[in-house]
Amino acid sequence: MATELTTSHLIDGATDQKRPPMPSTPGEITNTLSHYYRGELGRMTSWRDRIDRTSNWAITVVAALLSVSLSSPTSHHGVLLFGMMLISLLLMIEARRYRFFDIYRARVRQLERSYFAQILAPEAEFNPDWALSIAKSLRAPRFLLGYFDAMGRRLRRNYCWMYVILLLAWILKISTPKLQSEGAPQELAHSWSYVADNAALGPIPGWPVIAIVAVFYAAILYGVLRRGPDDSDFTRGEAHV
C-alpha cells in the first residue's frame, strides 16, 4: 500500500510539473488579461490589415480598368465586364477574411466593454459571466458571421460604390459613339438598337449581355438592401467595420 501511495504521489507531482502555473492573485489575473488583450488586439489588427489590403486592390483594379477602357475608342467594353468579375472575386476573398476578423473583434470588444470599461466607469448592470463567451470561443473557435452576411457587410461598406462606378462607365462606353472604334461625331446614341449592338460580347448578342448585367446588378442591390442579423457589438455604438 505504501508503495502504491508513493507511486501515485510521484505521478501527481510529475503531472503538476507539466502544467503551467495558473494565476492565483488579482494582480496576476490582471497581468494575464492585459497580455491576452494585447495578443487578441494584434490578431484583430492583422486581419483588419488584410481586409484593407483587399479593398485597396479592388480600388486599384477599378481605377486601372477605367483608365484602359475610357482612354481609347478602340478599347472594348468587355474590359469593364471583366472588372466586375474581378472585384467580385476580391469581394469573396475579403468576406472570408472578414469572418476571421470578426472572431477576434468580438473577443476584443467583449474585454473592452465588460472589463476595461467597468474599471474606468463601473455600472450597476454588470454581467458577471462576461468571460464565459470568451472562454467558449477559445476552447472551440467558430465563425460568428455567415459567409453571405460577411459579403453583404463588405458590399455595403465599400464594394457597392465600385460596382456603381463600373456600371456607369459601362453604360457610358456602350452608349457613346465617340468611345466606339468608329469614332462617330455624335455625343450619344440615338437608338436602343445601337446600344444593344455595342453591348455584344463576341458571339453573344447585345440584349442577352444587357440582361445578364441587369440580373447581376439586381443581385448586388439585393445584397446591399438585405440586412442580416447583427451581433451584439453592432447594437452598441456606431464605430464598426
C-alpha atoms as a PDB file:
ATOM      1  CA  MET A   1       0.000   0.000   0.000  1.00  0.00           C
ATOM      2  CA  ALA A   2       2.795   2.407   0.867  1.00  0.00           C
ATOM      3  CA  THR A   3       4.439   1.678  -2.475  1.00  0.00           C
ATOM      4  CA  GLU A   4       1.201   2.429  -4.353  1.00  0.00           C
ATOM      5  CA  LEU A   5       0.748   5.720  -2.457  1.00  0.00           C
ATOM      6  CA  THR A   6       4.321   6.715  -3.221  1.00  0.00           C
ATOM      7  CA  THR A   7       3.901   5.884  -6.920  1.00  0.00           C
ATOM      8  CA  SER A   8       0.621   7.818  -7.098  1.00  0.00           C
ATOM      9  CA  HIS A   9       2.246  10.805  -5.381  1.00  0.00           C
ATOM     10  CA  LEU A  10       5.123  10.765  -7.859  1.00  0.00           C
ATOM     11  CA  ILE A  11       2.741  10.611 -10.830  1.00  0.00           C
ATOM     12  CA  ASP A  12       0.676  13.510  -9.466  1.00  0.00           C
ATOM     13  CA  GLY A  13       3.826  15.503  -8.841  1.00  0.00           C
ATOM     14  CA  ALA A  14       5.090  14.886 -12.381  1.00  0.00           C
ATOM     15  CA  THR A  15       1.700  15.911 -13.793  1.00  0.00           C
ATOM     16  CA  ASP A  16       1.705  19.114 -11.743  1.00  0.00           C
ATOM     17  CA  GLN A  17       5.185  19.929 -13.033  1.00  0.00           C
ATOM     18  CA  LYS A  18       3.942  19.662 -16.617  1.00  0.00           C
ATOM     19  CA  ARG A  19       1.025  22.012 -16.035  1.00  0.00           C
ATOM     20  CA  PRO A  20       1.746  25.721 -16.446  1.00  0.00           C
ATOM     21  CA  PRO A  21       1.237  27.725 -13.265  1.00  0.00           C
ATOM     22  CA  MET A  22      -2.192  29.341 -13.088  1.00  0.00           C
ATOM     23  CA  PRO A  23      -2.601  32.948 -11.900  1.00  0.00           C
ATOM     24  CA  SER A  24      -3.873  32.939  -8.346  1.00  0.00           C
ATOM     25  CA  THR A  25      -3.772  36.545  -7.156  1.00  0.00           C
ATOM     26  CA  PRO A  26      -5.762  39.514  -8.512  1.00  0.00           C
ATOM     27  CA  GLY A  27      -2.524  41.098  -9.711  1.00  0.00           C
ATOM     28  CA  GLU A  28      -1.533  38.008 -11.686  1.00  0.00           C
ATOM     29  CA  ILE A  29      -5.005  37.756 -13.216  1.00  0.00           C
ATOM     30  CA  THR A  30      -4.921  41.416 -14.252  1.00  0.00           C
ATOM     31  CA  ASN A  31      -1.472  40.978 -15.770  1.00  0.00           C
ATOM     32  CA  THR A  32      -2.628  37.885 -17.681  1.00  0.00           C
ATOM     33  CA  LEU A  33      -5.698  39.685 -19.031  1.00  0.00           C
ATOM     34  CA  SER A  34      -3.554  42.623 -20.146  1.00  0.00           C
ATOM     35  CA  HIS A  35      -1.212  40.348 -22.108  1.00  0.00           C
ATOM     36  CA  TYR A  36      -4.158  38.417 -23.545  1.00  0.00           C
ATOM     37  CA  TYR A  37      -5.855  41.637 -24.641  1.00  0.00           C
ATOM     38  CA  ARG A  38      -2.669  42.756 -26.368  1.00  0.00           C
ATOM     39  CA  GLY A  39      -2.440  39.447 -28.202  1.00  0.00           C
ATOM     40  CA  GLU A  40      -6.064  39.484 -29.379  1.00  0.00           C
ATOM     41  CA  LEU A  41      -5.716  43.119 -30.430  1.00  0.00           C
ATOM     42  CA  GLY A  42      -2.669  42.207 -32.502  1.00  0.00           C
ATOM     43  CA  ARG A  43      -4.524  39.382 -34.258  1.00  0.00           C
ATOM     44  CA  MET A  44      -7.518  41.611 -34.906  1.00  0.00           C
ATOM     45  CA  THR A  45      -5.265  44.341 -36.328  1.00  0.00           C
ATOM     46  CA  SER A  46      -3.519  41.807 -38.568  1.00  0.00           C
ATOM     47  CA  TRP A  47      -6.805  40.613 -40.098  1.00  0.00           C
ATOM     48  CA  ARG A  48      -8.023  44.205 -40.424  1.00  0.00           C
ATOM     49  CA  ASP A  49      -4.873  44.985 -42.402  1.00  0.00           C
ATOM     50  CA  ARG A  50      -5.637  42.055 -44.728  1.00  0.00           C
ATOM     51  CA  ILE A  51      -9.168  43.366 -45.260  1.00  0.00           C
ATOM     52  CA  ASP A  52      -7.904  46.848 -46.103  1.00  0.00           C
ATOM     53  CA  ARG A  53      -5.343  45.367 -48.470  1.00  0.00           C
ATOM     54  CA  THR A  54      -8.052  43.565 -50.452  1.00  0.00           C
ATOM     55  CA  SER A  55     -10.119  46.755 -50.656  1.00  0.00           C
ATOM     56  CA  ASN A  56      -7.067  48.645 -51.908  1.00  0.00           C
ATOM     57  CA  TRP A  57      -6.522  46.001 -54.589  1.00  0.00           C
ATOM     58  CA  ALA A  58     -10.141  46.373 -55.704  1.00  0.00           C
ATOM     59  CA  ILE A  59      -9.889  50.168 -55.895  1.00  0.00           C
ATOM     60  CA  THR A  60      -6.655  49.909 -57.882  1.00  0.00           C
ATOM     61  CA  VAL A  61      -8.224  47.423 -60.301  1.00  0.00           C
ATOM     62  CA  VAL A  62     -11.262  49.647 -60.855  1.00  0.00           C
ATOM     63  CA  ALA A  63      -9.104  52.722 -61.488  1.00  0.00           C
ATOM     64  CA  ALA A  64      -6.819  50.858 -63.884  1.00  0.00           C
ATOM     65  CA  LEU A  65      -9.643  49.304 -65.911  1.00  0.00           C
ATOM     66  CA  LEU A  66     -11.497  52.618 -66.128  1.00  0.00           C
ATOM     67  CA  SER A  67      -8.361  54.234 -67.486  1.00  0.00           C
ATOM     68  CA  VAL A  68      -7.867  51.467 -70.046  1.00  0.00           C
ATOM     69  CA  SER A  69     -11.498  51.345 -71.192  1.00  0.00           C
ATOM     70  CA  LEU A  70     -12.328  55.042 -71.417  1.00  0.00           C
ATOM     71  CA  SER A  71      -8.996  56.357 -72.639  1.00  0.00           C
ATOM     72  CA  SER A  72      -9.269  54.969 -76.168  1.00  0.00           C
ATOM     73  CA  PRO A  73     -12.189  54.280 -78.557  1.00  0.00           C
ATOM     74  CA  THR A  74     -10.554  51.003 -79.557  1.00  0.00           C
ATOM     75  CA  SER A  75     -10.834  49.607 -76.016  1.00  0.00           C
ATOM     76  CA  HIS A  76     -13.577  47.010 -75.703  1.00  0.00           C
ATOM     77  CA  HIS A  77     -16.387  47.370 -73.173  1.00  0.00           C
ATOM     78  CA  GLY A  78     -15.673  43.813 -72.084  1.00  0.00           C
ATOM     79  CA  VAL A  79     -12.786  45.227 -70.041  1.00  0.00           C
ATOM     80  CA  LEU A  80     -15.362  46.750 -67.691  1.00  0.00           C
ATOM     81  CA  LEU A  81     -17.303  43.491 -67.506  1.00  0.00           C
ATOM     82  CA  PHE A  82     -14.066  41.754 -66.633  1.00  0.00           C
ATOM     83  CA  GLY A  83     -13.576  44.374 -63.910  1.00  0.00           C
ATOM     84  CA  MET A  84     -16.966  43.488 -62.424  1.00  0.00           C
ATOM     85  CA  MET A  85     -15.951  39.839 -62.278  1.00  0.00           C
ATOM     86  CA  LEU A  86     -12.562  40.663 -60.771  1.00  0.00           C
ATOM     87  CA  ILE A  87     -13.877  42.803 -57.921  1.00  0.00           C
ATOM     88  CA  SER A  88     -16.486  40.109 -57.259  1.00  0.00           C
ATOM     89  CA  LEU A  89     -13.588  37.692 -56.708  1.00  0.00           C
ATOM     90  CA  LEU A  90     -11.899  40.210 -54.407  1.00  0.00           C
ATOM     91  CA  LEU A  91     -15.188  40.665 -52.529  1.00  0.00           C
ATOM     92  CA  MET A  92     -15.395  36.914 -51.910  1.00  0.00           C
ATOM     93  CA  ILE A  93     -11.796  36.868 -50.647  1.00  0.00           C
ATOM     94  CA  GLU A  94     -12.474  39.835 -48.393  1.00  0.00           C
ATOM     95  CA  ALA A  95     -15.637  38.249 -46.988  1.00  0.00           C
ATOM     96  CA  ARG A  96     -13.612  35.208 -45.931  1.00  0.00           C
ATOM     97  CA  ARG A  97     -11.019  37.428 -44.248  1.00  0.00           C
ATOM     98  CA  TYR A  98     -13.749  39.458 -42.577  1.00  0.00           C
ATOM     99  CA  ARG A  99     -15.196  36.347 -40.918  1.00  0.00           C
ATOM    100  CA  PHE A 100     -11.839  35.683 -39.219  1.00  0.00           C
ATOM    101  CA  PHE A 101     -11.503  39.344 -38.259  1.00  0.00           C
ATOM    102  CA  ASP A 102     -14.985  39.226 -36.743  1.00  0.00           C
ATOM    103  CA  ILE A 103     -13.966  36.459 -34.302  1.00  0.00           C
ATOM    104  CA  TYR A 104     -11.107  38.451 -32.798  1.00  0.00           C
ATOM    105  CA  ARG A 105     -13.025  41.730 -32.932  1.00  0.00           C
ATOM    106  CA  ALA A 106     -15.820  40.166 -30.842  1.00  0.00           C
ATOM    107  CA  ARG A 107     -13.346  38.969 -28.197  1.00  0.00           C
ATOM    108  CA  VAL A 108     -11.618  42.349 -28.012  1.00  0.00           C
ATOM    109  CA  ARG A 109     -14.909  44.209 -27.753  1.00  0.00           C
ATOM    110  CA  GLN A 110     -16.084  41.867 -25.002  1.00  0.00           C
ATOM    111  CA  LEU A 111     -12.952  42.619 -22.985  1.00  0.00           C
ATOM    112  CA  GLU A 112     -13.211  46.345 -23.595  1.00  0.00           C
ATOM    113  CA  ARG A 113     -16.912  46.561 -22.820  1.00  0.00           C
ATOM    114  CA  SER A 114     -17.112  44.221 -19.833  1.00  0.00           C
ATOM    115  CA  TYR A 115     -13.686  44.588 -18.192  1.00  0.00           C
ATOM    116  CA  PHE A 116     -11.832  47.782 -19.055  1.00  0.00           C
ATOM    117  CA  ALA A 117     -14.948  49.943 -19.273  1.00  0.00           C
ATOM    118  CA  GLN A 118     -16.100  48.557 -15.918  1.00  0.00           C
ATOM    119  CA  ILE A 119     -12.761  49.537 -14.381  1.00  0.00           C
ATOM    120  CA  LEU A 120     -12.928  53.076 -15.756  1.00  0.00           C
ATOM    121  CA  ALA A 121     -16.612  53.689 -15.045  1.00  0.00           C
ATOM    122  CA  PRO A 122     -18.379  50.939 -13.074  1.00  0.00           C
ATOM    123  CA  GLU A 123     -22.034  50.339 -13.861  1.00  0.00           C
ATOM    124  CA  ALA A 124     -24.643  48.676 -11.694  1.00  0.00           C
ATOM    125  CA  GLU A 125     -25.905  46.500 -14.560  1.00  0.00           C
ATOM    126  CA  PHE A 126     -22.805  44.355 -14.793  1.00  0.00           C
ATOM    127  CA  ASN A 127     -22.820  40.841 -16.207  1.00  0.00           C
ATOM    128  CA  PRO A 128     -20.513  38.688 -14.041  1.00  0.00           C
ATOM    129  CA  ASP A 129     -20.419  35.938 -16.699  1.00  0.00           C
ATOM    130  CA  TRP A 130     -18.896  38.146 -19.393  1.00  0.00           C
ATOM    131  CA  ALA A 131     -15.772  35.967 -19.661  1.00  0.00           C
ATOM    132  CA  LEU A 132     -17.787  32.826 -20.378  1.00  0.00           C
ATOM    133  CA  SER A 133     -18.306  33.681 -24.058  1.00  0.00           C
ATOM    134  CA  ILE A 134     -14.578  34.367 -24.493  1.00  0.00           C
ATOM    135  CA  ALA A 135     -13.692  31.063 -22.827  1.00  0.00           C
ATOM    136  CA  LYS A 136     -16.103  29.178 -25.094  1.00  0.00           C
ATOM    137  CA  SER A 137     -14.612  30.860 -28.144  1.00  0.00           C
ATOM    138  CA  LEU A 138     -11.083  29.974 -27.037  1.00  0.00           C
ATOM    139  CA  ARG A 139     -11.978  26.334 -26.411  1.00  0.00           C
ATOM    140  CA  ALA A 140     -13.982  25.908 -29.627  1.00  0.00           C
ATOM    141  CA  PRO A 141     -13.451  28.794 -32.075  1.00  0.00           C
ATOM    142  CA  ARG A 142     -16.284  29.235 -34.529  1.00  0.00           C
ATOM    143  CA  PHE A 143     -17.384  31.840 -37.030  1.00  0.00           C
ATOM    144  CA  LEU A 144     -19.884  34.350 -35.687  1.00  0.00           C
ATOM    145  CA  LEU A 145     -20.981  35.540 -39.118  1.00  0.00           C
ATOM    146  CA  GLY A 146     -22.219  33.664 -42.175  1.00  0.00           C
ATOM    147  CA  TYR A 147     -20.314  33.928 -45.455  1.00  0.00           C
ATOM    148  CA  PHE A 148     -23.089  35.765 -47.315  1.00  0.00           C
ATOM    149  CA  ASP A 149     -23.687  38.055 -44.338  1.00  0.00           C
ATOM    150  CA  ALA A 150     -19.999  38.956 -44.421  1.00  0.00           C
ATOM    151  CA  MET A 151     -20.213  39.615 -48.168  1.00  0.00           C
ATOM    152  CA  GLY A 152     -23.242  41.837 -47.641  1.00  0.00           C
ATOM    153  CA  ARG A 153     -21.470  43.795 -44.927  1.00  0.00           C
ATOM    154  CA  ARG A 154     -18.401  44.467 -47.079  1.00  0.00           C
ATOM    155  CA  LEU A 155     -20.618  45.201 -50.057  1.00  0.00           C
ATOM    156  CA  ARG A 156     -22.448  47.916 -48.126  1.00  0.00           C
ATOM    157  CA  ARG A 157     -19.230  49.391 -46.746  1.00  0.00           C
ATOM    158  CA  ASN A 158     -17.063  49.626 -49.872  1.00  0.00           C
ATOM    159  CA  TYR A 159     -17.834  47.490 -52.869  1.00  0.00           C
ATOM    160  CA  CYS A 160     -21.263  48.841 -53.816  1.00  0.00           C
ATOM    161  CA  TRP A 161     -19.649  52.121 -54.880  1.00  0.00           C
ATOM    162  CA  MET A 162     -17.099  50.316 -57.050  1.00  0.00           C
ATOM    163  CA  TYR A 163     -19.889  48.377 -58.746  1.00  0.00           C
ATOM    164  CA  VAL A 164     -21.808  51.611 -59.368  1.00  0.00           C
ATOM    165  CA  ILE A 165     -18.751  53.270 -60.916  1.00  0.00           C
ATOM    166  CA  LEU A 166     -18.129  50.291 -63.214  1.00  0.00           C
ATOM    167  CA  LEU A 167     -21.789  50.185 -64.243  1.00  0.00           C
ATOM    168  CA  LEU A 168     -21.864  53.903 -65.095  1.00  0.00           C
ATOM    169  CA  ALA A 169     -18.630  53.573 -67.065  1.00  0.00           C
ATOM    170  CA  TRP A 170     -20.015  50.537 -68.944  1.00  0.00           C
ATOM    171  CA  ILE A 171     -23.254  52.374 -69.829  1.00  0.00           C
ATOM    172  CA  LEU A 172     -21.220  55.370 -70.963  1.00  0.00           C
ATOM    173  CA  LYS A 173     -18.981  53.126 -73.064  1.00  0.00           C
ATOM    174  CA  ILE A 174     -21.755  51.327 -74.960  1.00  0.00           C
ATOM    175  CA  SER A 175     -23.956  54.437 -75.410  1.00  0.00           C
ATOM    176  CA  THR A 176     -21.374  57.000 -76.534  1.00  0.00           C
ATOM    177  CA  PRO A 177     -20.362  56.811 -80.202  1.00  0.00           C
ATOM    178  CA  LYS A 178     -17.174  58.776 -79.546  1.00  0.00           C
ATOM    179  CA  LEU A 179     -15.988  55.958 -77.299  1.00  0.00           C
ATOM    180  CA  GLN A 180     -16.506  53.337 -80.033  1.00  0.00           C
ATOM    181  CA  SER A 181     -13.938  52.271 -82.581  1.00  0.00           C
ATOM    182  CA  GLU A 182     -15.718  54.028 -85.445  1.00  0.00           C
ATOM    183  CA  GLY A 183     -15.453  57.329 -83.605  1.00  0.00           C
ATOM    184  CA  ALA A 184     -18.794  58.826 -84.729  1.00  0.00           C
ATOM    185  CA  PRO A 185     -19.106  62.564 -84.068  1.00  0.00           C
ATOM    186  CA  GLN A 186     -22.438  62.492 -82.156  1.00  0.00           C
ATOM    187  CA  GLU A 187     -22.336  62.586 -78.367  1.00  0.00           C
ATOM    188  CA  LEU A 188     -24.977  59.941 -77.523  1.00  0.00           C
ATOM    189  CA  ALA A 189     -26.638  57.027 -79.245  1.00  0.00           C
ATOM    190  CA  HIS A 190     -29.980  57.764 -80.925  1.00  0.00           C
ATOM    191  CA  SER A 191     -31.489  54.276 -80.688  1.00  0.00           C
ATOM    192  CA  TRP A 192     -31.601  51.280 -78.375  1.00  0.00           C
ATOM    193  CA  SER A 193     -30.512  49.006 -81.193  1.00  0.00           C
ATOM    194  CA  TYR A 194     -27.247  50.932 -81.428  1.00  0.00           C
ATOM    195  CA  VAL A 195     -26.659  50.420 -77.686  1.00  0.00           C
ATOM    196  CA  ALA A 196     -27.513  46.704 -77.979  1.00  0.00           C
ATOM    197  CA  ASP A 197     -25.115  46.285 -80.905  1.00  0.00           C
ATOM    198  CA  ASN A 198     -22.321  47.901 -78.921  1.00  0.00           C
ATOM    199  CA  ALA A 199     -23.076  45.667 -75.908  1.00  0.00           C
ATOM    200  CA  ALA A 200     -22.408  42.493 -77.914  1.00  0.00           C
ATOM    201  CA  LEU A 201     -19.671  40.333 -76.432  1.00  0.00           C
ATOM    202  CA  GLY A 202     -18.058  38.096 -79.035  1.00  0.00           C
ATOM    203  CA  PRO A 203     -20.695  35.633 -80.317  1.00  0.00           C
ATOM    204  CA  ILE A 204     -23.187  36.736 -77.613  1.00  0.00           C
ATOM    205  CA  PRO A 205     -25.653  39.371 -78.883  1.00  0.00           C
ATOM    206  CA  GLY A 206     -26.101  42.647 -77.058  1.00  0.00           C
ATOM    207  CA  TRP A 207     -29.514  42.081 -75.474  1.00  0.00           C
ATOM    208  CA  PRO A 208     -28.519  38.907 -73.565  1.00  0.00           C
ATOM    209  CA  VAL A 209     -25.413  40.694 -72.292  1.00  0.00           C
ATOM    210  CA  ILE A 210     -27.545  43.606 -71.062  1.00  0.00           C
ATOM    211  CA  ALA A 211     -29.952  41.156 -69.416  1.00  0.00           C
ATOM    212  CA  ILE A 212     -27.094  39.332 -67.636  1.00  0.00           C
ATOM    213  CA  VAL A 213     -25.678  42.624 -66.355  1.00  0.00           C
ATOM    214  CA  ALA A 214     -29.155  43.686 -65.177  1.00  0.00           C
ATOM    215  CA  VAL A 215     -29.657  40.414 -63.257  1.00  0.00           C
ATOM    216  CA  PHE A 216     -26.170  40.689 -61.774  1.00  0.00           C
ATOM    217  CA  TYR A 217     -26.829  44.202 -60.505  1.00  0.00           C
ATOM    218  CA  ALA A 218     -30.227  43.182 -59.187  1.00  0.00           C
ATOM    219  CA  ALA A 219     -28.380  40.629 -57.042  1.00  0.00           C
ATOM    220  CA  ILE A 220     -25.931  43.345 -55.946  1.00  0.00           C
ATOM    221  CA  LEU A 221     -28.846  45.607 -54.990  1.00  0.00           C
ATOM    222  CA  TYR A 222     -30.437  42.791 -53.022  1.00  0.00           C
ATOM    223  CA  GLY A 223     -27.179  42.226 -51.163  1.00  0.00           C
ATOM    224  CA  VAL A 224     -26.952  45.932 -50.308  1.00  0.00           C
ATOM    225  CA  LEU A 225     -30.538  46.224 -49.076  1.00  0.00           C
ATOM    226  CA  ARG A 226     -30.638  42.886 -47.246  1.00  0.00           C
ATOM    227  CA  ARG A 227     -29.888  43.200 -43.555  1.00  0.00           C
ATOM    228  CA  GLY A 228     -28.665  40.102 -41.770  1.00  0.00           C
ATOM    229  CA  PRO A 229     -28.835  39.558 -38.021  1.00  0.00           C
ATOM    230  CA  ASP A 230     -26.222  41.787 -36.402  1.00  0.00           C
ATOM    231  CA  ASP A 231     -24.386  40.561 -33.341  1.00  0.00           C
ATOM    232  CA  SER A 232     -24.401  42.430 -30.051  1.00  0.00           C
ATOM    233  CA  ASP A 233     -21.362  44.511 -30.989  1.00  0.00           C
ATOM    234  CA  PHE A 234     -23.267  46.160 -33.821  1.00  0.00           C
ATOM    235  CA  THR A 235     -26.066  47.228 -31.494  1.00  0.00           C
ATOM    236  CA  ARG A 236     -23.610  49.097 -29.278  1.00  0.00           C
ATOM    237  CA  GLY A 237     -22.236  52.273 -30.819  1.00  0.00           C
ATOM    238  CA  GLU A 238     -21.710  53.360 -34.400  1.00  0.00           C
ATOM    239  CA  ALA A 239     -17.978  52.845 -34.877  1.00  0.00           C
ATOM    240  CA  HIS A 240     -17.618  49.458 -36.540  1.00  0.00           C
ATOM    241  CA  VAL A 241     -16.132  47.951 -39.681  1.00  0.00           C
END
